[in-house]
Amino acid sequence: MKKIVKKTTPFWAALFLLLFSAPAAAQWQVLEDMPMPLGAIDPGVLDGKIYVFGGKITELISSDTVWVYDPDEGWSFGGKMPDSLEAIIVEEYNGKLYLFGGHSHPDFVYRREVMTYDPATWQFDTVGYMPTAKAWFTSVVLGGKIYLLGGDDNVSGPSRAVDVFDPISGVWASGPPLNTGRAGLSADTLNGKIYVTGGGAGTTAFNTAEIYEPGGQWIVSPAMMNTARGFHSCKNVGGKLYVVGGAAGFSTPFLNTTEYFDPQTGVWVDFDDLNFARRELGAAVLGGDLYVLGGMTGPFGNANFHAKVERHEIVSSSYERKVAEGFDFQLRNTPNPFHSTTRMEFAITERAKVELDIFDVNGKKVATLLDELLYPGEYEA
């Protein structure tokens, strides 16, 4: 249990407890930097923590390090990978983190390995091989399968391929191909469908999206993004698809713009700009928060790498949720001289801005014990 008030609070009147959530500020917040600047990363999320595997240290050097971010504790070391790799794709399935493909520097060897990572032991195990060695693809989990979408094999250019992996049996299948070959694309699921966004071919980035529903074929979405982008990130947060950062043409300009797709209206809507423009960034969702990590700016051949981390409290800033009203009882500790103080305990099941107030018998607020954003858990005041 977390103690949020360091001393107990005396009072001489009836007490009413109000606990509610309020909307957070609608902006990107700059957090603690990553331990090192990294580009070409695709973070995984497991048990409320963000895992960053490998990545690009410079344009000629890849990393073999695992970094772990805990919103409460900050960054920590998570072990070493078997090889230095970048552009790895990571998915969580059934309590495991799966790593697919990627490539090394400076030899540009593209990889086929599928690995799992155990955060308790820092152990990597090879559990299979992709049909084709490639990087710069994207992935989603849908219906118990992991879909690998598009990408580049360093031979034939941007791919239309859809490879479907069954993590239980280890068997691969081919899915219906994309309408357009895309590298540097990003995707997520929404309402039982897969949405692929952006990416590109050659020096051209796309502002188009494709949609797939299992059992059907890919269709080109009639709604186009407001900005063409590749090497960006796409995440479902609160039932909307958010795309962040990237490059407008695989060179410059590098984007700090974000937008989201609202399935209710079928329209892409511009959203709050990032504090730092970046491509080849990573993104992760914890609760209702969208995190953006690392990435790079500057032209190919002379890039600058980011250690910057930003967070947007998207769900809590979208609407006000009242999680509890004034309790229908009174806590009285006077005039009993043996109870001059009162300890209060409460719990929240999702991240929220919590306000804890004391009112007198006339309904007048006499003190505020707490007014801050809290993570899920048990608390004492």
Protein backbone atom coordinates (compact mmCIF):
# COMPACT_ATOMS: atom_id res chain seq x y z
CA MET A 1 0.00 0.00 0.00
CA LYS A 2 1.35 3.42 -0.94
CA LYS A 3 1.28 6.15 1.67
CA ILE A 4 0.43 9.43 0.01
CA VAL A 5 0.08 11.65 3.09
CA LYS A 6 3.08 11.38 5.44
CA LYS A 7 1.14 12.15 8.60
CA THR A 8 -2.38 11.50 9.75
CA THR A 9 -4.83 14.36 9.62
CA PRO A 10 -6.74 15.63 12.70
CA PHE A 11 -10.16 17.21 12.37
CA TRP A 12 -13.04 18.17 14.65
CA ALA A 13 -16.04 17.79 12.38
CA ALA A 14 -17.93 15.19 10.38
CA LEU A 15 -15.95 14.08 7.33
CA PHE A 16 -17.17 13.27 3.85
CA LEU A 17 -14.81 11.67 1.34
CA LEU A 18 -14.97 12.51 -2.36
CA LEU A 19 -12.88 10.54 -4.83
CA PHE A 20 -13.15 11.38 -8.49
CA SER A 21 -11.11 11.59 -11.66
CA ALA A 22 -10.75 14.72 -13.71
CA PRO A 23 -9.33 15.32 -17.17
CA ALA A 24 -5.56 15.70 -17.38
CA ALA A 25 -3.81 18.39 -19.38
CA ALA A 26 -4.02 17.68 -23.12
CA GLN A 27 -0.34 17.80 -24.04
CA TRP A 28 2.76 15.69 -24.52
CA GLN A 29 4.82 15.52 -21.34
CA VAL A 30 8.60 15.08 -21.55
CA LEU A 31 9.76 12.32 -19.21
CA GLU A 32 13.12 10.92 -18.13
CA ASP A 33 15.42 10.20 -21.10
CA MET A 34 16.21 6.66 -22.14
CA PRO A 35 19.63 5.49 -20.91
CA MET A 36 21.01 6.00 -24.44
CA PRO A 37 19.81 7.52 -27.73
CA LEU A 38 18.25 4.88 -29.97
CA GLY A 39 16.41 4.72 -33.28
CA ALA A 40 14.75 1.88 -35.17
CA ILE A 41 13.02 0.47 -32.07
CA ASP A 42 9.66 -1.23 -31.53
CA PRO A 43 8.99 -1.46 -27.77
CA GLY A 44 7.08 -4.34 -26.20
CA VAL A 45 4.77 -4.07 -23.20
CA LEU A 46 4.45 -6.73 -20.49
CA ASP A 47 3.08 -6.47 -16.94
CA GLY A 48 2.93 -2.69 -16.95
CA LYS A 49 6.51 -2.19 -18.17
CA ILE A 50 7.98 -1.11 -21.50
CA TYR A 51 10.82 -3.18 -23.01
CA VAL A 52 13.19 -1.75 -25.63
CA PHE A 53 15.30 -4.27 -27.56
CA GLY A 54 18.42 -3.31 -29.49
CA GLY A 55 18.02 -0.42 -31.89
CA LYS A 56 20.24 1.91 -33.85
CA ILE A 57 22.96 3.70 -31.83
CA THR A 58 24.46 5.38 -34.90
CA GLU A 59 23.85 4.81 -38.58
CA LEU A 60 26.63 2.20 -38.52
CA ILE A 61 26.20 0.61 -35.08
CA SER A 62 23.33 -1.49 -33.68
CA SER A 63 22.68 -2.15 -29.99
CA ASP A 64 22.45 -5.52 -28.21
CA THR A 65 21.02 -4.10 -24.96
CA VAL A 66 17.57 -4.49 -23.41
CA TRP A 67 16.22 -1.51 -21.48
CA VAL A 68 13.15 -1.67 -19.23
CA TYR A 69 10.94 1.27 -18.29
CA ASP A 70 8.73 1.15 -15.20
CA PRO A 71 6.48 4.24 -14.81
CA ASP A 72 7.08 4.14 -11.05
CA GLU A 73 10.78 3.27 -10.98
CA GLY A 74 12.20 4.63 -14.24
CA TRP A 75 14.74 2.86 -16.47
CA SER A 76 16.71 -0.28 -15.69
CA PHE A 77 18.96 -2.76 -17.50
CA GLY A 78 17.22 -5.87 -18.85
CA GLY A 79 20.05 -8.01 -20.18
CA LYS A 80 21.84 -8.52 -23.48
CA MET A 81 20.52 -9.90 -26.77
CA PRO A 82 22.37 -12.70 -28.58
CA ASP A 83 23.28 -10.23 -31.36
CA SER A 84 23.25 -6.50 -32.02
CA LEU A 85 20.10 -5.76 -34.02
CA GLU A 86 17.81 -2.94 -35.05
CA ALA A 87 14.35 -2.71 -36.64
CA ILE A 88 13.22 -5.74 -34.61
CA ILE A 89 9.46 -6.16 -34.30
CA VAL A 90 8.11 -7.07 -30.84
CA GLU A 91 4.71 -8.47 -29.82
CA GLU A 92 3.32 -9.68 -26.52
CA TYR A 93 1.30 -12.88 -26.59
CA ASN A 94 0.08 -14.95 -23.65
CA GLY A 95 2.55 -13.43 -21.21
CA LYS A 96 5.58 -13.70 -23.48
CA LEU A 97 7.45 -11.17 -25.61
CA TYR A 98 8.14 -12.37 -29.17
CA LEU A 99 10.88 -10.77 -31.29
CA PHE A 100 10.87 -11.02 -35.08
CA GLY A 101 13.51 -10.29 -37.71
CA GLY A 102 15.47 -7.07 -37.85
CA HIS A 103 18.95 -6.50 -39.21
CA SER A 104 22.46 -5.74 -38.05
CA HIS A 105 24.93 -2.97 -38.86
CA PRO A 106 27.14 -2.31 -40.71
CA ASP A 107 26.75 -5.52 -42.74
CA PHE A 108 22.95 -5.15 -43.26
CA VAL A 109 22.31 -8.85 -42.71
CA TYR A 110 18.53 -9.31 -42.51
CA ARG A 111 17.33 -11.90 -40.01
CA ARG A 112 14.67 -14.64 -39.96
CA GLU A 113 14.82 -15.61 -36.29
CA VAL A 114 11.79 -15.59 -34.01
CA MET A 115 12.84 -15.30 -30.36
CA THR A 116 11.12 -15.13 -27.01
CA TYR A 117 12.41 -13.12 -24.06
CA ASP A 118 11.93 -13.98 -20.39
CA PRO A 119 12.14 -10.80 -18.27
CA ALA A 120 12.67 -12.82 -15.09
CA THR A 121 15.86 -14.47 -16.35
CA TRP A 122 16.84 -12.19 -19.27
CA GLN A 123 16.89 -15.38 -21.35
CA PHE A 124 16.37 -15.37 -25.15
CA ASP A 125 15.20 -18.53 -26.90
CA THR A 126 14.88 -19.07 -30.65
CA VAL A 127 11.46 -20.62 -31.28
CA GLY A 128 11.26 -20.50 -35.07
CA TYR A 129 12.10 -18.71 -38.29
CA MET A 130 10.13 -16.33 -40.46
CA PRO A 131 9.43 -17.41 -44.06
CA THR A 132 11.58 -14.51 -45.29
CA ALA A 133 14.39 -12.54 -43.69
CA LYS A 134 13.25 -8.93 -43.48
CA ALA A 135 13.04 -5.72 -41.48
CA TRP A 136 10.98 -2.50 -41.46
CA PHE A 137 7.73 -4.48 -41.30
CA THR A 138 5.04 -4.21 -38.63
CA SER A 139 2.89 -6.60 -36.63
CA VAL A 140 -0.38 -7.05 -34.77
CA VAL A 141 -2.03 -9.77 -32.69
CA LEU A 142 -5.54 -10.81 -33.71
CA GLY A 143 -7.51 -13.98 -33.05
CA GLY A 144 -4.62 -15.77 -31.35
CA LYS A 145 -2.28 -15.21 -34.30
CA ILE A 146 0.58 -12.76 -34.87
CA TYR A 147 0.42 -11.03 -38.26
CA LEU A 148 3.64 -9.74 -39.86
CA LEU A 149 2.82 -7.10 -42.45
CA GLY A 150 4.83 -5.67 -45.35
CA GLY A 151 8.46 -4.71 -44.80
CA ASP A 152 11.65 -4.95 -46.84
CA ASP A 153 14.02 -7.87 -47.48
CA ASN A 154 16.89 -5.70 -48.81
CA VAL A 155 16.52 -7.45 -52.18
CA SER A 156 13.12 -6.98 -53.79
CA GLY A 157 11.99 -3.77 -52.10
CA PRO A 158 8.80 -2.98 -50.16
CA SER A 159 6.67 -6.08 -49.67
CA ARG A 160 2.95 -6.83 -49.89
CA ALA A 161 3.41 -10.05 -47.91
CA VAL A 162 1.33 -10.97 -44.88
CA ASP A 163 2.81 -13.81 -42.82
CA VAL A 164 0.65 -15.27 -40.04
CA PHE A 165 2.34 -16.98 -37.09
CA ASP A 166 0.60 -19.31 -34.65
CA PRO A 167 2.62 -18.98 -31.42
CA ILE A 168 1.05 -22.12 -29.96
CA SER A 169 1.91 -24.51 -32.81
CA GLY A 170 4.79 -22.53 -34.30
CA VAL A 171 3.20 -22.91 -37.76
CA TRP A 172 3.27 -20.18 -40.42
CA ALA A 173 0.56 -19.38 -42.96
CA SER A 174 0.23 -16.81 -45.72
CA GLY A 175 -2.49 -14.20 -45.44
CA PRO A 176 -4.04 -12.13 -48.24
CA PRO A 177 -1.39 -9.69 -49.52
CA LEU A 178 -1.59 -5.95 -49.05
CA ASN A 179 -2.75 -3.92 -52.04
CA THR A 180 0.47 -1.89 -51.96
CA GLY A 181 3.99 -2.90 -50.99
CA ARG A 182 5.02 -0.91 -47.92
CA ALA A 183 8.15 -0.59 -45.80
CA GLY A 184 8.33 1.56 -42.69
CA LEU A 185 4.61 1.04 -42.15
CA SER A 186 2.82 0.73 -38.80
CA ALA A 187 -0.40 -1.01 -37.78
CA ASP A 188 -2.76 -1.91 -34.96
CA THR A 189 -6.13 -3.55 -34.47
CA LEU A 190 -9.42 -1.73 -34.03
CA ASN A 191 -12.87 -3.30 -33.60
CA GLY A 192 -11.69 -6.73 -34.75
CA LYS A 193 -9.94 -5.43 -37.87
CA ILE A 194 -6.32 -4.73 -38.80
CA TYR A 195 -5.45 -1.21 -39.90
CA VAL A 196 -2.17 -0.66 -41.76
CA THR A 197 -1.06 2.97 -42.00
CA GLY A 198 1.48 4.83 -44.10
CA GLY A 199 4.90 3.48 -44.92
CA GLY A 200 6.19 3.89 -48.43
CA ALA A 201 8.25 2.78 -51.38
CA GLY A 202 11.47 4.38 -52.57
CA THR A 203 11.50 8.02 -51.48
CA THR A 204 7.71 8.34 -51.34
CA ALA A 205 5.68 8.08 -48.15
CA PHE A 206 1.98 7.16 -48.23
CA ASN A 207 -0.99 8.84 -46.59
CA THR A 208 -3.18 5.80 -47.21
CA ALA A 209 -4.40 3.05 -44.92
CA GLU A 210 -5.57 -0.50 -45.62
CA ILE A 211 -8.08 -2.49 -43.59
CA TYR A 212 -8.37 -6.25 -43.16
CA GLU A 213 -11.05 -8.31 -41.47
CA PRO A 214 -10.25 -12.03 -41.01
CA GLY A 215 -11.84 -14.07 -43.77
CA GLY A 216 -11.80 -11.19 -46.23
CA GLN A 217 -9.36 -9.22 -48.34
CA TRP A 218 -7.49 -5.98 -47.77
CA ILE A 219 -9.43 -2.88 -48.73
CA VAL A 220 -8.02 0.61 -49.14
CA SER A 221 -9.59 2.89 -46.56
CA PRO A 222 -11.58 5.76 -48.09
CA ALA A 223 -10.20 7.99 -45.32
CA MET A 224 -6.66 9.22 -45.99
CA MET A 225 -4.33 10.49 -43.29
CA ASN A 226 -3.82 14.24 -43.21
CA THR A 227 -0.06 13.75 -43.53
CA ALA A 228 1.86 11.15 -45.51
CA ARG A 229 4.31 9.41 -43.21
CA GLY A 230 6.60 6.42 -42.90
CA PHE A 231 8.86 5.12 -40.12
CA HIS A 232 6.15 6.31 -37.70
CA SER A 233 4.12 4.49 -35.04
CA CYS A 234 0.43 3.59 -34.91
CA LYS A 235 -1.37 2.61 -31.70
CA ASN A 236 -4.97 1.98 -30.63
CA VAL A 237 -5.69 4.06 -27.54
CA GLY A 238 -9.22 4.25 -26.19
CA GLY A 239 -10.82 3.00 -29.40
CA LYS A 240 -9.05 5.41 -31.75
CA LEU A 241 -5.96 4.89 -33.90
CA TYR A 242 -3.15 7.35 -33.19
CA VAL A 243 -0.26 7.82 -35.62
CA VAL A 244 2.77 9.76 -34.39
CA GLY A 245 5.91 11.19 -35.92
CA GLY A 246 7.71 9.64 -38.86
CA ALA A 247 9.11 11.13 -42.05
CA ALA A 248 7.06 12.72 -44.81
CA GLY A 249 9.29 11.33 -47.52
CA PHE A 250 11.84 9.01 -45.93
CA SER A 251 14.25 11.95 -45.77
CA THR A 252 12.96 15.34 -44.65
CA PRO A 253 10.91 16.85 -43.18
CA PHE A 254 10.83 14.76 -40.04
CA LEU A 255 7.51 15.01 -38.31
CA ASN A 256 6.36 16.10 -34.88
CA THR A 257 2.74 15.90 -36.01
CA THR A 258 0.23 13.35 -34.76
CA GLU A 259 -3.31 12.48 -35.78
CA TYR A 260 -5.97 9.93 -34.94
CA PHE A 261 -8.63 7.98 -36.80
CA ASP A 262 -12.08 8.03 -35.24
CA PRO A 263 -14.07 4.96 -36.39
CA GLN A 264 -17.31 6.66 -35.38
CA THR A 265 -16.84 9.45 -37.93
CA GLY A 266 -14.47 7.71 -40.35
CA VAL A 267 -12.22 10.79 -40.33
CA TRP A 268 -8.57 11.45 -39.48
CA VAL A 269 -8.21 14.32 -36.99
CA ASP A 270 -5.03 16.30 -36.26
CA PHE A 271 -3.86 15.84 -32.67
CA ASP A 272 -1.31 17.48 -30.33
CA ASP A 273 2.19 17.92 -31.76
CA LEU A 274 5.12 16.10 -30.19
CA ASN A 275 7.76 18.22 -28.48
CA PHE A 276 10.44 16.58 -30.65
CA ALA A 277 10.19 15.63 -34.32
CA ARG A 278 11.41 12.08 -34.97
CA ARG A 279 11.33 9.11 -37.33
CA GLU A 280 12.11 5.44 -36.60
CA LEU A 281 10.64 6.05 -33.16
CA GLY A 282 9.03 3.54 -30.84
CA ALA A 283 5.62 3.81 -29.19
CA ALA A 284 3.86 1.90 -26.42
CA VAL A 285 0.54 2.04 -24.59
CA LEU A 286 0.21 1.66 -20.81
CA GLY A 287 -3.36 2.05 -19.58
CA GLY A 288 -4.70 5.13 -21.32
CA ASP A 289 -1.26 6.66 -21.83
CA LEU A 290 0.64 6.74 -25.12
CA TYR A 291 4.44 6.77 -24.80
CA VAL A 292 6.81 7.82 -27.59
CA LEU A 293 10.46 6.80 -27.27
CA GLY A 294 13.70 7.48 -29.12
CA GLY A 295 13.92 7.90 -32.87
CA MET A 296 16.07 10.10 -35.05
CA THR A 297 16.15 13.33 -37.03
CA GLY A 298 18.40 14.69 -39.72
CA PRO A 299 19.12 13.38 -43.23
CA PHE A 300 20.17 9.81 -43.86
CA GLY A 301 23.93 9.69 -43.52
CA ASN A 302 23.99 12.48 -40.95
CA ALA A 303 21.26 11.59 -38.46
CA ASN A 304 20.86 12.68 -34.87
CA PHE A 305 19.49 10.10 -32.44
CA HIS A 306 16.95 10.71 -29.67
CA ALA A 307 16.88 9.55 -26.07
CA LYS A 308 13.75 11.62 -25.50
CA VAL A 309 10.59 10.06 -24.04
CA GLU A 310 7.18 11.72 -24.20
CA ARG A 311 3.82 10.66 -22.76
CA HIS A 312 0.27 11.75 -23.51
CA GLU A 313 -2.52 10.85 -21.08
CA ILE A 314 -4.96 10.34 -23.91
CA VAL A 315 -7.81 8.49 -22.20
CA SER A 316 -7.88 10.60 -19.04
CA SER A 317 -7.72 13.81 -21.07
CA SER A 318 -10.60 12.78 -23.32
CA TYR A 319 -13.40 12.92 -20.80
CA GLU A 320 -14.19 13.20 -17.10
CA ARG A 321 -14.95 9.97 -15.28
CA LYS A 322 -16.52 10.11 -11.87
CA VAL A 323 -15.39 6.94 -10.15
CA ALA A 324 -17.07 7.54 -6.80
CA GLU A 325 -19.47 10.04 -5.34
CA GLY A 326 -19.60 11.33 -1.77
CA PHE A 327 -19.86 8.37 0.53
CA ASP A 328 -23.24 7.98 2.21
CA PHE A 329 -21.74 7.71 5.69
CA GLN A 330 -19.85 10.00 8.04
CA LEU A 331 -16.52 9.33 9.71
CA ARG A 332 -16.61 10.87 13.18
CA ASN A 333 -13.61 10.85 15.48
CA THR A 334 -14.58 13.57 17.96
CA PRO A 335 -15.31 14.34 20.66
CA ASN A 336 -13.65 10.95 21.42
CA PRO A 337 -10.23 12.01 22.77
CA PHE A 338 -8.72 8.62 22.00
CA HIS A 339 -9.14 9.12 18.23
CA SER A 340 -7.82 12.54 17.38
CA THR A 341 -6.70 11.35 13.97
CA THR A 342 -8.22 9.24 11.18
CA ARG A 343 -6.51 7.02 8.63
CA MET A 344 -8.24 6.51 5.27
CA GLU A 345 -7.53 3.78 2.73
CA PHE A 346 -8.74 3.55 -0.86
CA ALA A 347 -7.89 1.81 -4.12
CA ILE A 348 -8.21 2.70 -7.80
CA THR A 349 -8.25 0.21 -10.67
CA GLU A 350 -7.15 2.56 -13.44
CA ARG A 351 -4.94 5.60 -13.70
CA ALA A 352 -6.81 8.76 -12.73
CA LYS A 353 -6.45 12.20 -11.27
CA VAL A 354 -7.68 11.77 -7.70
CA GLU A 355 -8.93 14.49 -5.37
CA LEU A 356 -9.49 13.76 -1.68
CA ASP A 357 -11.35 16.48 0.24
CA ILE A 358 -12.66 17.06 3.78
CA PHE A 359 -16.01 18.80 4.28
CA ASP A 360 -17.57 20.04 7.52
CA VAL A 361 -21.13 19.26 8.61
CA ASN A 362 -22.39 22.27 6.67
CA GLY A 363 -20.93 20.99 3.43
CA LYS A 364 -18.06 23.47 3.36
CA LYS A 365 -14.71 22.16 2.17
CA VAL A 366 -12.14 22.69 4.89
CA ALA A 367 -9.11 20.83 3.50
CA THR A 368 -7.74 19.00 0.45
CA LEU A 369 -5.67 15.96 1.37
CA LEU A 370 -4.79 14.91 -2.14
CA ASP A 371 -5.03 16.27 -5.68
CA GLU A 372 -2.76 14.42 -8.10
CA LEU A 373 -2.52 11.80 -10.84
CA LEU A 374 -2.19 8.26 -9.42
CA TYR A 375 -1.49 4.84 -10.91
CA PRO A 376 -3.72 1.83 -10.12
CA GLY A 377 -3.13 0.52 -6.61
CA GLU A 378 -3.96 0.82 -2.92
CA TYR A 379 -3.33 4.06 -1.08
CA GLU A 380 -3.39 5.41 2.47
CA ALA A 381 -4.00 8.99 3.58
